[in-house]
Protein backbone atom coordinates (compact mmCIF):
# COMPACT_ATOMS: atom_id res chain seq x y z
CA MET A 1 12.51 64.80 14.34
CA THR A 2 11.02 62.36 16.83
CA MET A 3 7.85 62.13 14.77
CA LYS A 4 9.80 61.33 11.61
CA LEU A 5 11.85 58.62 13.29
CA GLY A 6 8.70 57.06 14.65
CA ARG A 7 7.18 56.97 11.19
CA MET A 8 10.32 55.38 9.76
CA LYS A 9 10.31 52.62 12.38
CA MET A 10 6.67 51.57 11.88
CA PRO A 11 7.13 49.95 8.42
CA ARG A 12 10.10 47.95 9.73
CA LYS A 13 7.93 46.51 12.50
CA ARG A 14 5.24 45.62 9.99
CA TYR A 15 7.73 43.87 7.71
CA LEU A 16 9.18 42.07 10.70
CA GLY A 17 5.71 40.94 11.73
CA ILE A 18 4.86 39.79 8.22
CA GLY A 19 8.17 37.94 7.98
CA ILE A 20 7.52 36.14 11.25
CA LEU A 21 4.03 35.16 10.06
CA VAL A 22 5.43 33.82 6.78
CA ILE A 23 8.06 31.78 8.64
CA LEU A 24 5.48 30.40 11.07
CA ALA A 25 3.14 29.53 8.20
CA SER A 26 5.95 27.75 6.36
CA ILE A 27 6.90 25.79 9.47
CA ALA A 28 3.25 24.83 10.00
CA ALA A 29 2.90 23.69 6.37
CA LEU A 30 6.10 21.63 6.53
CA THR A 31 5.08 20.11 9.87
CA TYR A 32 1.68 19.16 8.44
CA GLN A 33 3.29 17.56 5.40
CA TRP A 34 5.64 15.62 7.67
CA ALA A 35 2.87 14.47 10.00
CA PHE A 36 0.37 13.71 7.23
CA PRO A 37 2.20 12.35 4.15
CA PRO A 38 0.16 11.81 0.97
CA ALA A 39 -2.46 9.14 1.63
CA HIS A 40 -4.87 6.94 -0.29
CA GLN A 41 -2.75 6.86 -3.43
CA HIS A 42 -2.54 3.07 -3.62
CA CYS A 43 -6.09 1.95 -2.94
CA ILE A 44 -5.88 -1.74 -2.13
CA LYS A 45 -9.69 -1.90 -2.26
CA GLN A 46 -9.53 -1.55 -6.03
CA ALA A 47 -7.25 -4.57 -6.31
CA ILE A 48 -10.03 -7.01 -5.42
CA LEU A 49 -11.94 -5.78 -8.46
CA LEU A 50 -8.92 -6.61 -10.62
CA PHE A 51 -8.61 -10.08 -9.07
CA SER A 52 -12.32 -10.77 -9.37
CA PHE A 53 -12.46 -9.72 -13.02
CA TYR A 54 -9.40 -11.81 -13.83
CA ALA A 55 -10.87 -14.85 -12.08
CA SER A 56 -14.20 -14.47 -13.89
CA GLU A 57 -12.28 -14.73 -17.16
CA ASN A 58 -10.15 -17.67 -16.00
CA ASP A 59 -12.50 -20.31 -14.61
CA GLY A 60 -12.59 -18.74 -11.17
CA ARG A 61 -8.82 -18.89 -10.63
CA PHE A 62 -6.82 -15.90 -9.51
CA PRO A 63 -3.50 -15.20 -11.31
CA GLU A 64 -0.84 -17.90 -11.08
CA SER A 65 2.70 -18.24 -12.39
CA GLU A 66 5.32 -20.97 -12.04
CA LYS A 67 7.87 -18.16 -11.73
CA GLY A 68 6.33 -17.02 -8.45
CA TRP A 69 3.61 -14.78 -7.08
CA GLY A 70 5.38 -11.62 -8.23
CA ASP A 71 5.08 -12.71 -11.85
CA ALA A 72 1.53 -13.86 -11.20
CA LEU A 73 0.62 -10.28 -10.35
CA LEU A 74 1.74 -9.16 -13.79
CA LYS A 75 -1.06 -11.25 -15.31
CA LEU A 76 -3.51 -8.67 -14.02
CA GLY A 77 -2.20 -6.53 -16.86
CA GLU A 78 -3.91 -8.87 -19.31
CA ILE A 79 -7.17 -7.17 -18.35
CA ASP A 80 -6.06 -4.08 -20.26
CA GLU A 81 -2.73 -4.44 -22.03
CA GLU A 82 -2.85 -0.85 -23.24
CA SER A 83 -2.83 0.66 -19.74
CA ASP A 84 -0.94 0.39 -16.47
CA TYR A 85 -3.69 1.99 -14.35
CA TRP A 86 -3.81 -1.18 -12.23
CA ILE A 87 -0.23 -0.92 -10.97
CA PRO A 88 -0.91 1.49 -8.03
CA TYR A 89 -3.51 -0.89 -6.61
CA ILE A 90 -1.10 -3.76 -6.11
CA VAL A 91 1.87 -1.79 -4.78
CA GLY A 92 2.21 -0.19 -1.37
CA ILE A 93 2.92 3.28 -0.06
CA ASP A 94 5.78 5.22 -1.70
CA ASP A 95 6.13 2.56 -4.40
CA ASP A 96 5.76 3.77 -7.99
CA GLY A 97 5.67 0.23 -9.34
CA SER A 98 8.71 0.82 -11.55
CA HIS A 99 10.10 -2.66 -10.76
CA LEU A 100 6.90 -4.20 -12.14
CA LEU A 101 6.82 -1.95 -15.18
CA ASN A 102 10.46 -2.78 -15.92
CA ALA A 103 9.71 -6.50 -15.64
CA ILE A 104 6.88 -6.10 -18.14
CA ALA A 105 8.98 -4.05 -20.55
CA GLN A 106 12.02 -6.34 -20.35
CA GLY A 107 10.18 -9.63 -20.02
CA SER A 108 12.16 -10.40 -16.87
CA ASP A 109 11.16 -12.10 -13.61
CA VAL A 110 9.76 -9.99 -10.82
CA ASP A 111 12.04 -9.60 -7.82
CA GLU A 112 9.56 -10.37 -5.04
CA THR A 113 11.81 -8.82 -2.41
CA ARG A 114 11.01 -5.46 -4.02
CA CYS A 115 7.26 -6.00 -3.96
CA THR A 116 5.65 -3.81 -1.31
CA ARG A 117 2.44 -5.84 -1.26
CA VAL A 118 2.43 -9.63 -0.93
CA TYR A 119 0.13 -11.72 -3.09
CA VAL A 120 -1.12 -15.12 -1.93
CA GLN A 121 -0.95 -17.29 -5.02
CA GLY A 122 -3.02 -20.46 -5.39
CA LEU A 123 -6.48 -19.24 -4.42
CA THR A 124 -9.73 -19.28 -6.34
CA GLN A 125 -13.12 -17.62 -6.02
CA ASN A 126 -14.20 -20.77 -4.18
CA SER A 127 -11.51 -20.42 -1.53
CA HIS A 128 -12.55 -19.47 2.00
CA SER A 129 -13.90 -15.93 1.79
CA LYS A 130 -11.82 -14.76 4.81
CA THR A 131 -8.54 -15.80 3.25
CA THR A 132 -6.22 -12.84 2.66
CA ILE A 133 -5.20 -12.54 -0.98
CA LEU A 134 -3.11 -9.34 -0.85
CA PHE A 135 -1.49 -7.50 2.06
CA ASP A 136 1.02 -4.75 2.79
CA ARG A 137 4.51 -6.13 3.34
CA GLU A 138 5.34 -3.38 5.85
CA SER A 139 3.07 -1.57 8.27
CA GLU A 140 2.53 2.18 8.04
CA PRO A 141 1.24 4.62 10.68
CA GLY A 142 -2.42 5.06 9.81
CA GLY A 143 -2.15 2.86 6.73
CA ASP A 144 -2.67 4.09 3.18
CA HIS A 145 -6.13 5.50 3.86
CA PHE A 146 -5.35 7.51 7.01
CA ARG A 147 -1.62 8.00 6.83
CA CYS A 148 -0.32 9.95 9.81
CA ARG A 149 2.92 9.65 11.75
CA PHE A 150 1.03 9.94 15.03
CA ARG A 151 -1.30 6.99 14.31
CA GLU A 152 -0.67 3.36 15.17
CA PRO A 153 1.17 1.37 12.47
CA LEU A 154 -1.00 -1.06 10.55
CA ARG A 155 -1.25 -3.12 7.38
CA GLU A 156 -4.14 -3.03 4.94
CA ILE A 157 -5.36 -6.33 3.49
CA ILE A 158 -8.06 -7.62 1.17
CA THR A 159 -9.68 -11.04 1.25
CA VAL A 160 -10.97 -13.47 -1.34
CA GLY A 161 -14.49 -12.45 -0.34
CA GLY A 162 -13.75 -8.80 -1.10
CA SER A 163 -13.36 -7.51 2.46
CA HIS A 164 -10.90 -4.74 3.23
CA LYS A 165 -9.34 -4.65 6.68
CA MET A 166 -6.76 -2.63 8.58
CA ILE A 167 -4.69 -4.81 10.91
CA LYS A 168 -2.74 -3.00 13.62
CA ASP A 169 0.79 -4.19 14.41
CA ARG A 170 -0.24 -5.47 17.83
CA ASP A 171 -2.95 -7.63 16.20
CA TRP A 172 -0.84 -8.83 13.27
CA PRO A 173 0.69 -11.96 14.89
CA GLU A 174 -2.74 -13.29 15.84
CA TYR A 175 -4.10 -12.44 12.40
CA VAL A 176 -1.24 -14.30 10.71
CA LYS A 177 -1.84 -17.29 12.98
CA LYS A 178 -5.47 -17.50 11.81
CA GLN A 179 -4.49 -17.03 8.18
CA ARG A 180 -1.96 -19.84 8.43
CA GLU A 181 -4.71 -22.11 9.79
CA LEU A 182 -7.03 -21.13 6.94
CA LEU A 183 -4.35 -21.94 4.37
CA ARG A 184 -3.61 -25.31 6.00
CA ASP A 185 -7.30 -26.17 5.87
CA GLN A 186 -7.24 -25.38 2.14
CA GLY A 187 -4.34 -27.68 1.38
CA PHE A 188 -1.35 -25.31 1.54
CA ASN A 189 1.75 -27.03 2.89
CA GLU A 190 3.95 -25.48 5.57
CA ALA A 191 6.71 -24.55 3.17
CA LYS A 192 4.27 -22.58 1.03
CA ILE A 193 2.73 -20.90 4.06
CA ASP A 194 6.18 -19.96 5.37
CA GLU A 195 6.97 -18.46 1.98
CA ILE A 196 3.96 -16.19 2.40
CA TYR A 197 3.95 -15.35 6.09
CA GLY A 198 7.27 -16.51 7.49
CA PRO A 199 9.12 -13.19 7.25
CA TYR A 200 6.10 -11.07 8.20
CA LYS A 201 5.42 -12.11 11.77
């Protein structure tokens, strides 16, 4: 009888062990997904190609609109009116670009407060190459390329000259200071500069 009871208990131990392994594996997978959310889905590097192509077709000027920089961004869609492939490049992390697509479909103004990347309107291909043309409104741990909750928060930016940079939060105030100086040197007034960088200190 002892032998039979022993044999009956063995499978239960195996199932218990397998169950514990499954639970641990599930916890590990969920922890990994939490620590490392989907990254590199909104490649800001590609945006400079869009801006450059648009400018080459418009006498060297990047998109502009009297309605504001949000509506100016929509002009990038003129490159290929049959596709919206360009949307992910000009919106930030966890932004599906629906507010831009709705503005296109309805012919309405873009609500810039919903834009997750900020566009600096009024630049040309002849502007200072180090001038930022597009940047993340909010910082993200690790940025879009190396997103990780344990990394230092940063913003990704691209410049008129085509450079891509990752600016950590602790370096952002100094970076903004230099960008404001660059814009002043290029004729931007303080009101316009505040519109761009005022809320993002």
